[in-house]
Amino acid sequence: MTDILRSYTDLSPSTPRFHVSTVLQSIINALPLTFDQSTRAVLVRLLLKDLKTLSSKSRLFHKDAALALLALKTLGRVPVGSEPLTEASSLCTLLELSSSLYKEDRNASSEALKCVANTLLLYDHARVTFISKEVSGGEFCASMLEKATTPEQLFTLSRIMFLATASPSSLILSLVEDKRHGRTIIDVIAMKIDIVLSNVLGNKAFARDAMSELLKFSFNLLLHYPKLHGLASASSRRRRSLSISSNSPASMIGNSYHDVVVRTMDLLEVVFSFHFPSNSNPDSREVREAFKNVLVGSAMSADTSLDELVSPLLALCTRICMMDKTSRKRVREWIIPPNLDRSYPLDERDDFLGKCIRLLGSVYHLRLKATVGEMLYAACDCDPSILSSLIGYGHVAGFLFNKGILSAPPPPSNDPHSSQRVVNPITGTYDTMPPGGLNSHIAEMTEEEKEIEMDKLFVLFDRLDRSGAPPPDQRKTAHSTVKSKRTPK
């Protein structure tokens, strides 16, 4: 709309500030299709130019910066006409504003960073420009991330770093290997997660969003760094402070990678304990009402689900399990320790394993149910035999059925317990097997004990029938056609 453009160009240093605010507010309140491509582009360039020269002799004063940046952010939400924001000079201006305005106007500084985040989200090529030497946006925002303390700052900066590392680049090598003020980016992420975690437990605004973006940024580093490191030349590695001793991704990143694995497991423990206290049923009214109360006390949308918040963390743990054998074993032994007390049903435990098993039978949390199953499956080498042996087929029958495994898989050949005990297919607890084997065990059972075991089997069969399992005479044929799943390297 040319009227708004004309109103803005008519502004001068002598214009009353309330009138400047009115014009800027009209840009903010305008509908997305109010401006055509050329008008939007002109307004974007004018705002950038005036923001770069904030002073009492300019169209915009310092106190107008926050509203002007909000107007610029609003214009930048529509791709058509906002291309000037992708230019190196524009990105540099926004980064300079976020730094120079930080002390005197935190709100304006935050709006400048949000303009950058929106631009990187809308334009892939802007991400390349952003991390170029001309802008050095990745290094700039990494330094700001280290200084950030509030959830909103951490959310915006983590979102920018997530977008800047979406594709492999030398920035990722620099972030992981080079130290700034004695810390690598992994050390910074670990510190910020501690800060965000306390804010999450306190239901602070933007805390959960900040946690999500930090984890997504961490995922990009885990995804791209091992490949980039393998492509780097030997000479460039000599100047790096990180010592590499093997080809394993875990050893490539050394202690930093170790910290990521430990931190992920710690976060899972805390998040599950917070949302599923003790041995509570995840589908219970109490759990759902408690989460609604969390939403009320936060800045999240009322239609946000628990699945949306927790699933990305489980997906990160699954990815860690898929990356190398060492990490996979560590995660598996953390969830299912070798000395696990199996004297009572696993689904009644109040630890992380018990919560996972109860989620596998959830009706309300279908996405969480699936991601928990995938995490356990990955931790068990993507081997259904190992999964059933460690947890009990009764708990994972539905998950395995969805993968095309229609009957209980045979025990694994390398099962450390195969020569000592067998796992009850319903509860996952150990059954004491007499020397004579299964037949002797059955023969020594009383009629009452046999009826109890039959009831357990009927529960399992009923569960399979309700999940849509084919008739028994078709299961063997169908099972023989299932292709073997690829085991992670």
Protein backbone atom coordinates (compact mmCIF):
# COMPACT_ATOMS: atom_id res chain seq x y z
CA MET A 1 0.00 0.00 0.00
CA THR A 2 1.63 3.24 -1.17
CA ASP A 3 -0.16 5.32 1.53
CA ILE A 4 1.83 3.64 4.32
CA LEU A 5 5.04 3.91 2.32
CA ARG A 6 4.37 7.62 1.70
CA SER A 7 3.61 8.16 5.39
CA TYR A 8 6.92 6.60 6.33
CA THR A 9 8.99 8.52 3.77
CA ASP A 10 7.37 11.76 4.98
CA LEU A 11 8.83 11.24 8.46
CA SER A 12 11.74 13.46 9.47
CA PRO A 13 13.85 14.14 12.59
CA SER A 14 11.40 16.91 13.53
CA THR A 15 8.33 14.67 13.30
CA PRO A 16 6.67 14.16 16.72
CA ARG A 17 7.65 10.76 18.10
CA PHE A 18 4.04 9.71 18.68
CA HIS A 19 3.42 10.15 14.95
CA VAL A 20 6.49 8.04 14.14
CA SER A 21 5.11 5.32 16.43
CA THR A 22 1.71 5.53 14.71
CA VAL A 23 3.26 5.01 11.26
CA LEU A 24 5.40 2.10 12.46
CA GLN A 25 2.36 0.56 14.15
CA SER A 26 0.42 0.82 10.88
CA ILE A 27 3.13 -1.27 9.20
CA ILE A 28 2.93 -3.84 12.00
CA ASN A 29 -0.88 -4.05 11.89
CA ALA A 30 -1.15 -4.22 8.09
CA LEU A 31 -2.40 -7.50 6.64
CA PRO A 32 0.24 -9.68 4.90
CA LEU A 33 -1.13 -8.92 1.43
CA THR A 34 -1.35 -5.16 2.01
CA PHE A 35 2.03 -4.56 0.34
CA ASP A 36 3.03 -5.71 -3.11
CA GLN A 37 6.53 -7.00 -3.78
CA SER A 38 8.12 -3.67 -4.72
CA THR A 39 6.52 -1.69 -1.87
CA ARG A 40 7.58 -4.28 0.71
CA ALA A 41 11.16 -4.30 -0.64
CA VAL A 42 11.37 -0.49 -0.52
CA LEU A 43 10.06 -0.38 3.05
CA VAL A 44 12.51 -3.08 4.14
CA ARG A 45 15.45 -1.17 2.67
CA LEU A 46 14.31 2.14 4.18
CA LEU A 47 13.92 0.62 7.64
CA LEU A 48 17.33 -1.05 7.45
CA LYS A 49 18.96 2.19 6.35
CA ASP A 50 17.31 4.24 9.10
CA LEU A 51 18.07 1.62 11.77
CA LYS A 52 21.73 1.71 10.79
CA THR A 53 21.85 5.48 11.38
CA LEU A 54 19.80 5.78 14.57
CA SER A 55 20.24 9.29 16.00
CA SER A 56 18.41 12.51 16.78
CA LYS A 57 19.31 13.72 13.28
CA SER A 58 17.76 10.70 11.58
CA ARG A 59 14.23 9.66 10.76
CA LEU A 60 14.40 7.13 13.63
CA PHE A 61 15.72 7.81 17.15
CA HIS A 62 17.19 5.17 19.46
CA LYS A 63 13.90 4.92 21.35
CA ASP A 64 12.13 4.06 18.07
CA ALA A 65 14.40 1.05 17.46
CA ALA A 66 12.26 -1.65 19.11
CA LEU A 67 9.09 -0.68 17.23
CA ALA A 68 10.98 -0.23 13.95
CA LEU A 69 12.59 -3.67 14.28
CA LEU A 70 9.19 -5.18 15.06
CA ALA A 71 7.87 -3.56 11.86
CA LEU A 72 10.86 -4.97 9.96
CA LYS A 73 10.24 -8.43 11.43
CA THR A 74 6.57 -8.24 10.40
CA LEU A 75 7.51 -7.31 6.82
CA GLY A 76 10.11 -10.10 6.75
CA ARG A 77 7.56 -12.79 7.54
CA VAL A 78 6.35 -12.71 3.93
CA PRO A 79 8.96 -14.00 1.43
CA VAL A 80 7.70 -11.91 -1.48
CA GLY A 81 9.51 -8.59 -1.26
CA SER A 82 11.62 -9.29 1.83
CA GLU A 83 14.67 -10.53 -0.12
CA PRO A 84 16.78 -7.47 0.89
CA LEU A 85 17.02 -9.02 4.37
CA THR A 86 19.11 -11.89 2.92
CA GLU A 87 21.92 -9.58 1.79
CA ALA A 88 25.19 -9.67 3.74
CA SER A 89 24.97 -5.95 4.58
CA SER A 90 21.45 -6.40 6.00
CA LEU A 91 22.45 -9.36 8.17
CA CYS A 92 25.49 -7.44 9.43
CA THR A 93 23.28 -4.46 10.31
CA LEU A 94 20.87 -6.63 12.29
CA LEU A 95 23.68 -8.36 14.19
CA GLU A 96 25.31 -5.02 14.99
CA LEU A 97 21.98 -3.69 16.27
CA SER A 98 21.44 -6.75 18.47
CA SER A 99 24.83 -6.09 20.07
CA SER A 100 24.75 -2.28 20.35
CA LEU A 101 21.18 -2.16 21.71
CA TYR A 102 21.65 -5.01 24.18
CA LYS A 103 22.41 -2.88 27.24
CA GLU A 104 20.02 0.02 26.67
CA ASP A 105 17.07 -1.83 25.08
CA ARG A 106 16.91 -5.62 25.50
CA ASN A 107 13.59 -5.77 23.67
CA ALA A 108 15.04 -4.07 20.57
CA SER A 109 18.09 -6.35 20.68
CA SER A 110 15.81 -9.39 20.81
CA GLU A 111 13.73 -8.13 17.85
CA ALA A 112 16.89 -7.74 15.75
CA LEU A 113 17.83 -11.38 16.41
CA LYS A 114 14.29 -12.50 15.60
CA CYS A 115 14.57 -10.75 12.22
CA VAL A 116 17.71 -12.80 11.56
CA ALA A 117 16.02 -16.04 12.68
CA ASN A 118 13.00 -15.47 10.42
CA THR A 119 15.23 -14.68 7.45
CA LEU A 120 17.28 -17.86 7.91
CA LEU A 121 14.07 -19.86 8.23
CA LEU A 122 12.54 -18.50 5.01
CA TYR A 123 15.63 -18.41 2.79
CA ASP A 124 18.08 -21.30 2.50
CA HIS A 125 20.65 -19.17 0.67
CA ALA A 126 20.60 -16.66 3.54
CA ARG A 127 22.10 -19.36 5.77
CA VAL A 128 25.11 -19.61 3.45
CA THR A 129 25.53 -15.82 3.51
CA PHE A 130 25.08 -15.75 7.28
CA ILE A 131 28.02 -18.10 7.98
CA SER A 132 30.26 -16.57 5.31
CA LYS A 133 33.41 -14.63 6.28
CA GLU A 134 31.71 -11.42 5.20
CA VAL A 135 29.08 -11.77 7.95
CA SER A 136 30.55 -14.39 10.37
CA GLY A 137 27.10 -14.71 11.89
CA GLY A 138 27.71 -18.18 13.30
CA GLU A 139 30.71 -17.06 15.35
CA PHE A 140 28.87 -13.90 16.44
CA CYS A 141 25.78 -15.76 17.68
CA ALA A 142 27.88 -18.49 19.33
CA SER A 143 29.51 -15.76 21.45
CA MET A 144 26.11 -14.23 22.24
CA LEU A 145 24.76 -17.66 23.18
CA GLU A 146 27.54 -18.02 25.74
CA LYS A 147 26.50 -14.73 27.37
CA ALA A 148 22.72 -15.28 27.15
CA THR A 149 20.88 -15.95 30.41
CA THR A 150 17.13 -15.55 29.81
CA PRO A 151 14.97 -18.25 28.17
CA GLU A 152 13.88 -15.86 25.40
CA GLN A 153 17.47 -15.00 24.47
CA LEU A 154 18.46 -18.67 24.55
CA PHE A 155 15.46 -19.62 22.42
CA THR A 156 16.20 -17.09 19.67
CA LEU A 157 19.96 -17.67 19.57
CA SER A 158 19.57 -21.47 19.64
CA ARG A 159 17.05 -21.24 16.78
CA ILE A 160 19.57 -19.20 14.75
CA MET A 161 22.38 -21.69 15.48
CA PHE A 162 20.11 -24.61 14.58
CA LEU A 163 19.32 -23.04 11.20
CA ALA A 164 22.96 -22.02 10.61
CA THR A 165 24.11 -25.62 11.16
CA ALA A 166 21.32 -27.29 9.18
CA SER A 167 23.83 -28.14 6.43
CA PRO A 168 27.45 -29.34 6.78
CA SER A 169 29.95 -26.47 6.87
CA SER A 170 33.32 -25.47 8.30
CA LEU A 171 31.40 -23.57 10.98
CA ILE A 172 30.47 -26.88 12.63
CA LEU A 173 34.12 -27.98 12.76
CA SER A 174 35.08 -24.66 14.31
CA LEU A 175 32.26 -24.73 16.86
CA VAL A 176 33.07 -28.25 18.08
CA GLU A 177 36.86 -28.10 18.04
CA ASP A 178 37.86 -24.49 18.73
CA LYS A 179 37.63 -22.99 22.19
CA ARG A 180 36.25 -19.53 22.90
CA HIS A 181 37.07 -18.17 26.35
CA GLY A 182 38.28 -21.66 27.24
CA ARG A 183 35.07 -23.43 26.14
CA THR A 184 33.88 -25.32 23.07
CA ILE A 185 30.27 -25.03 21.94
CA ILE A 186 29.54 -28.37 23.64
CA ASP A 187 30.57 -26.86 26.98
CA VAL A 188 28.35 -23.85 26.29
CA ILE A 189 25.35 -26.04 25.40
CA ALA A 190 25.83 -28.06 28.60
CA MET A 191 25.81 -24.87 30.70
CA LYS A 192 22.77 -23.45 28.95
CA ILE A 193 20.82 -26.68 29.33
CA ASP A 194 21.35 -26.43 33.09
CA ILE A 195 19.97 -22.89 33.03
CA VAL A 196 17.01 -23.79 30.83
CA LEU A 197 16.21 -26.90 32.86
CA SER A 198 15.75 -24.86 36.03
CA ASN A 199 13.48 -22.50 34.08
CA VAL A 200 11.49 -25.42 32.68
CA LEU A 201 10.86 -26.74 36.18
CA GLY A 202 9.81 -23.23 37.18
CA ASN A 203 7.39 -22.97 34.23
CA LYS A 204 9.12 -19.85 32.89
CA ALA A 205 8.03 -18.43 29.52
CA PHE A 206 10.09 -19.61 26.53
CA ALA A 207 11.93 -22.19 28.68
CA ARG A 208 10.59 -25.26 26.88
CA ASP A 209 11.02 -23.63 23.49
CA ALA A 210 14.63 -22.83 24.39
CA MET A 211 15.22 -26.44 25.46
CA SER A 212 13.78 -27.71 22.18
CA GLU A 213 15.99 -25.42 20.08
CA LEU A 214 19.12 -26.27 22.09
CA LEU A 215 18.50 -29.97 21.51
CA LYS A 216 17.88 -29.43 17.80
CA PHE A 217 21.14 -27.49 17.56
CA SER A 218 22.92 -30.34 19.40
CA PHE A 219 21.39 -32.83 16.98
CA ASN A 220 22.84 -30.96 13.99
CA LEU A 221 26.31 -31.09 15.55
CA LEU A 222 25.97 -34.83 16.20
CA LEU A 223 24.70 -35.41 12.68
CA HIS A 224 27.27 -33.46 10.67
CA TYR A 225 30.47 -33.32 12.72
CA PRO A 226 31.63 -36.97 12.32
CA LYS A 227 31.31 -36.78 8.53
CA LEU A 228 33.04 -33.40 8.32
CA HIS A 229 35.87 -34.60 10.52
CA GLY A 230 36.46 -37.59 8.26
CA LEU A 231 36.76 -35.32 5.23
CA ALA A 232 39.18 -32.88 6.84
CA SER A 233 42.84 -33.13 5.85
CA ALA A 234 45.52 -34.38 8.23
CA SER A 235 47.34 -31.05 8.15
CA SER A 236 44.29 -29.09 9.24
CA ARG A 237 43.80 -31.51 12.12
CA ARG A 238 47.21 -30.75 13.65
CA ARG A 239 46.14 -27.28 14.66
CA ARG A 240 43.04 -28.61 16.38
CA SER A 241 43.12 -29.16 20.12
CA LEU A 242 40.87 -32.23 19.96
CA SER A 243 42.71 -35.57 20.01
CA ILE A 244 41.21 -38.29 17.82
CA SER A 245 42.11 -41.89 18.56
CA SER A 246 39.69 -43.97 16.49
CA ASN A 247 36.98 -43.83 13.83
CA SER A 248 34.13 -44.11 16.32
CA PRO A 249 31.99 -40.94 16.47
CA ALA A 250 32.06 -41.24 20.26
CA SER A 251 35.85 -41.12 20.33
CA MET A 252 35.98 -38.48 17.57
CA ILE A 253 34.38 -35.90 19.77
CA GLY A 254 36.04 -37.33 22.88
CA ASN A 255 34.86 -35.94 26.17
CA SER A 256 32.49 -33.51 24.44
CA TYR A 257 30.57 -36.37 22.83
CA HIS A 258 30.60 -38.24 26.14
CA ASP A 259 29.05 -35.19 27.79
CA VAL A 260 26.27 -35.06 25.17
CA VAL A 261 25.34 -38.71 25.82
CA VAL A 262 25.36 -38.20 29.59
CA ARG A 263 23.42 -34.95 29.32
CA THR A 264 20.78 -36.55 27.10
CA MET A 265 20.26 -39.36 29.60
CA ASP A 266 20.09 -36.87 32.48
CA LEU A 267 17.47 -34.81 30.64
CA LEU A 268 15.36 -37.87 29.90
CA GLU A 269 15.50 -38.84 33.56
CA VAL A 270 14.44 -35.37 34.74
CA VAL A 271 11.72 -34.85 32.12
CA PHE A 272 10.14 -38.28 32.68
CA SER A 273 10.27 -37.88 36.46
CA PHE A 274 8.59 -34.48 36.17
CA HIS A 275 5.74 -35.50 33.85
CA PHE A 276 5.31 -39.15 34.96
CA PRO A 277 6.10 -39.11 38.70
CA SER A 278 6.77 -42.36 40.58
CA ASN A 279 5.04 -45.30 38.88
CA SER A 280 2.03 -43.31 37.66
CA ASN A 281 -0.03 -44.41 34.68
CA PRO A 282 0.78 -42.05 31.75
CA ASP A 283 -2.88 -42.20 30.69
CA SER A 284 -4.22 -41.27 34.12
CA ARG A 285 -6.34 -38.18 34.63
CA GLU A 286 -3.83 -36.88 37.20
CA VAL A 287 -0.97 -36.87 34.67
CA ARG A 288 -3.06 -35.13 32.02
CA GLU A 289 -4.40 -32.52 34.43
CA ALA A 290 -0.90 -31.81 35.74
CA PHE A 291 0.30 -31.14 32.21
CA LYS A 292 -2.64 -28.79 31.57
CA ASN A 293 -1.62 -26.85 34.67
CA VAL A 294 1.93 -26.61 33.30
CA LEU A 295 0.55 -25.12 30.07
CA VAL A 296 -1.50 -22.56 31.99
CA GLY A 297 1.60 -21.36 33.82
CA SER A 298 3.72 -21.12 30.69
CA ALA A 299 3.74 -19.20 27.41
CA MET A 300 2.97 -22.30 25.37
CA SER A 301 -0.15 -22.70 23.27
CA ALA A 302 -3.07 -24.38 25.01
CA ASP A 303 -3.20 -27.09 22.34
CA THR A 304 0.44 -28.14 22.92
CA SER A 305 0.69 -31.85 23.69
CA LEU A 306 3.09 -33.70 25.95
CA ASP A 307 4.06 -35.79 22.93
CA GLU A 308 5.29 -32.69 21.07
CA LEU A 309 7.56 -31.67 23.94
CA VAL A 310 9.14 -34.99 24.91
CA SER A 311 9.37 -36.86 21.58
CA PRO A 312 12.30 -34.78 20.18
CA LEU A 313 14.41 -35.69 23.22
CA LEU A 314 13.64 -39.39 22.71
CA ALA A 315 14.47 -39.03 19.01
CA LEU A 316 17.84 -37.53 19.94
CA CYS A 317 18.57 -40.50 22.22
CA THR A 318 17.56 -42.86 19.39
CA ARG A 319 19.94 -41.07 17.05
CA ILE A 320 22.76 -41.42 19.59
CA CYS A 321 22.08 -45.16 19.80
CA MET A 322 22.21 -45.48 16.00
CA MET A 323 25.53 -43.66 15.66
CA ASP A 324 27.95 -46.16 17.21
CA LYS A 325 28.12 -49.32 19.31
CA THR A 326 29.76 -47.74 22.36
CA SER A 327 27.03 -45.16 22.87
CA ARG A 328 24.34 -47.73 22.14
CA LYS A 329 25.69 -50.04 24.84
CA ARG A 330 25.91 -47.19 27.35
CA VAL A 331 22.31 -46.14 26.76
CA ARG A 332 21.09 -49.75 26.93
CA GLU A 333 22.90 -50.44 30.19
CA TRP A 334 21.57 -47.19 31.63
CA ILE A 335 17.96 -48.13 30.80
CA ILE A 336 18.32 -51.88 31.50
CA PRO A 337 21.29 -52.48 33.83
CA PRO A 338 22.84 -55.99 33.76
CA ASN A 339 22.06 -56.34 37.49
CA LEU A 340 18.44 -55.19 37.11
CA ASP A 341 16.21 -56.43 39.92
CA ARG A 342 13.60 -58.56 38.16
CA SER A 343 11.91 -59.85 41.28
CA TYR A 344 8.73 -57.91 40.46
CA PRO A 345 7.01 -56.83 37.20
CA LEU A 346 8.99 -54.32 35.17
CA ASP A 347 5.89 -52.30 34.30
CA GLU A 348 5.41 -51.52 38.00
CA ARG A 349 8.86 -49.99 38.45
CA ASP A 350 9.13 -46.28 39.21
CA ASP A 351 12.40 -45.77 37.29
CA PHE A 352 12.93 -44.71 33.67
CA LEU A 353 12.51 -48.29 32.39
CA GLY A 354 9.17 -48.68 34.14
CA LYS A 355 7.91 -45.38 32.73
CA CYS A 356 8.96 -46.43 29.21
CA ILE A 357 7.19 -49.79 29.49
CA ARG A 358 3.99 -48.13 30.69
CA LEU A 359 4.16 -45.70 27.76
CA LEU A 360 4.38 -48.67 25.37
CA GLY A 361 0.83 -49.50 26.39
CA SER A 362 -0.44 -45.91 26.33
CA VAL A 363 -3.68 -44.98 24.59
CA TYR A 364 -3.41 -41.17 24.85
CA HIS A 365 0.27 -40.69 23.98
CA LEU A 366 0.56 -42.44 20.62
CA ARG A 367 3.56 -40.44 19.40
CA LEU A 368 5.43 -40.94 22.66
CA LYS A 369 4.53 -44.61 22.56
CA ALA A 370 6.12 -44.95 19.11
CA THR A 371 9.26 -42.94 19.91
CA VAL A 372 9.85 -44.84 23.17
CA GLY A 373 9.58 -48.10 21.23
CA GLU A 374 12.05 -46.88 18.60
CA MET A 375 14.51 -45.76 21.26
CA LEU A 376 14.40 -49.13 23.06
CA TYR A 377 14.63 -50.95 19.72
CA ALA A 378 17.71 -48.92 18.70
CA ALA A 379 19.32 -49.43 22.12
CA CYS A 380 18.90 -53.19 21.64
CA ASP A 381 20.82 -53.21 18.32
CA CYS A 382 17.52 -53.17 16.37
CA ASP A 383 17.28 -56.85 17.29
CA PRO A 384 13.78 -57.99 18.37
CA SER A 385 15.27 -61.03 20.10
CA ILE A 386 17.44 -58.89 22.37
CA LEU A 387 14.57 -56.47 23.01
CA SER A 388 12.20 -59.30 24.00
CA SER A 389 14.86 -61.01 26.09
CA LEU A 390 15.63 -57.89 28.11
CA ILE A 391 12.14 -56.44 28.53
CA GLY A 392 9.72 -59.31 27.92
CA TYR A 393 7.78 -60.00 24.76
CA GLY A 394 4.49 -59.14 26.42
CA HIS A 395 5.54 -55.51 26.79
CA VAL A 396 6.81 -55.06 23.23
CA ALA A 397 4.42 -57.33 21.32
CA GLY A 398 2.39 -54.40 19.96
CA PHE A 399 5.48 -52.45 18.92
CA LEU A 400 7.03 -55.48 17.18
CA PHE A 401 3.71 -56.29 15.51
CA ASN A 402 3.74 -52.84 13.89
CA LYS A 403 7.19 -53.68 12.55
CA GLY A 404 5.86 -56.86 10.94
CA ILE A 405 7.10 -59.27 13.62
CA LEU A 406 3.96 -61.25 14.36
CA SER A 407 5.18 -63.75 16.94
CA ALA A 408 7.70 -63.96 19.74
CA PRO A 409 11.24 -64.03 18.32
CA PRO A 410 13.64 -66.78 19.45
CA PRO A 411 16.07 -65.98 22.29
CA PRO A 412 19.30 -64.34 21.11
CA SER A 413 22.26 -66.69 20.73
CA ASN A 414 24.49 -64.40 22.77
CA ASP A 415 21.99 -63.88 25.59
CA PRO A 416 24.06 -63.80 28.80
CA HIS A 417 21.08 -65.14 30.76
CA SER A 418 20.08 -67.92 28.35
CA SER A 419 21.93 -70.61 30.27
CA GLN A 420 20.72 -69.39 33.65
CA ARG A 421 17.21 -67.96 33.46
CA VAL A 422 14.37 -67.22 31.07
CA VAL A 423 12.33 -64.04 30.96
CA ASN A 424 8.62 -64.30 31.58
CA PRO A 425 6.97 -63.27 28.27
CA ILE A 426 4.32 -61.19 30.04
CA THR A 427 6.09 -59.29 32.84
CA GLY A 428 9.76 -59.45 31.85
CA THR A 429 10.67 -60.89 35.25
CA TYR A 430 12.86 -63.96 35.60
CA ASP A 431 11.31 -67.39 36.01
CA THR A 432 13.31 -69.92 38.00
CA MET A 433 13.80 -72.92 35.71
CA PRO A 434 14.38 -76.33 37.36
CA PRO A 435 17.16 -78.61 36.08
CA GLY A 436 14.70 -80.74 34.14
CA GLY A 437 13.81 -77.83 31.85
CA LEU A 438 10.42 -76.48 30.84
CA ASN A 439 8.54 -79.81 30.84
CA SER A 440 9.75 -80.61 34.35
CA HIS A 441 8.80 -77.12 35.44
CA ILE A 442 5.26 -77.50 34.10
CA ALA A 443 4.92 -80.96 35.62
CA GLU A 444 5.80 -79.62 39.06
CA MET A 445 3.25 -76.79 38.87
CA THR A 446 0.02 -77.03 40.83
CA GLU A 447 -3.30 -76.68 39.05
CA GLU A 448 -3.72 -73.22 40.55
CA GLU A 449 -0.30 -72.11 39.24
CA LYS A 450 -1.14 -73.47 35.79
CA GLU A 451 -4.39 -71.49 35.76
CA ILE A 452 -2.50 -68.32 36.69
CA GLU A 453 -0.03 -68.85 33.83
CA MET A 454 -2.90 -69.57 31.42
CA ASP A 455 -4.59 -66.32 32.46
CA LYS A 456 -1.36 -64.46 31.69
CA LEU A 457 -1.20 -66.03 28.24
CA PHE A 458 -4.85 -65.19 27.57
CA VAL A 459 -4.06 -61.55 28.41
CA LEU A 460 -1.26 -61.63 25.83
CA PHE A 461 -3.43 -63.27 23.16
CA ASP A 462 -6.25 -60.81 23.83
CA ARG A 463 -3.82 -57.93 23.43
CA LEU A 464 -2.63 -59.34 20.10
CA ASP A 465 -6.21 -59.86 18.88
CA ARG A 466 -7.17 -56.28 19.75
CA SER A 467 -4.12 -54.98 17.91
CA GLY A 468 -5.28 -56.69 14.70
CA ALA A 469 -3.03 -59.76 14.69
CA PRO A 470 -3.88 -62.40 12.03
CA PRO A 471 -5.19 -65.86 13.02
CA PRO A 472 -2.59 -68.31 14.44
CA ASP A 473 -2.49 -70.42 11.25
CA GLN A 474 -1.42 -67.34 9.25
CA ARG A 475 1.20 -66.00 11.64
CA LYS A 476 3.98 -68.44 10.80
CA THR A 477 3.58 -67.88 7.05
CA ALA A 478 3.42 -64.11 7.43
CA HIS A 479 6.39 -64.08 9.78
CA SER A 480 8.55 -65.99 7.31
CA THR A 481 8.07 -63.26 4.70
CA VAL A 482 9.23 -60.41 6.93
CA LYS A 483 12.49 -58.96 5.72
CA SER A 484 15.30 -58.62 8.23
CA LYS A 485 15.80 -55.10 9.58
CA ARG A 486 19.07 -53.29 9.06
CA THR A 487 21.20 -53.27 12.19
CA PRO A 488 22.96 -49.97 12.93
CA LYS A 489 26.68 -49.91 12.31
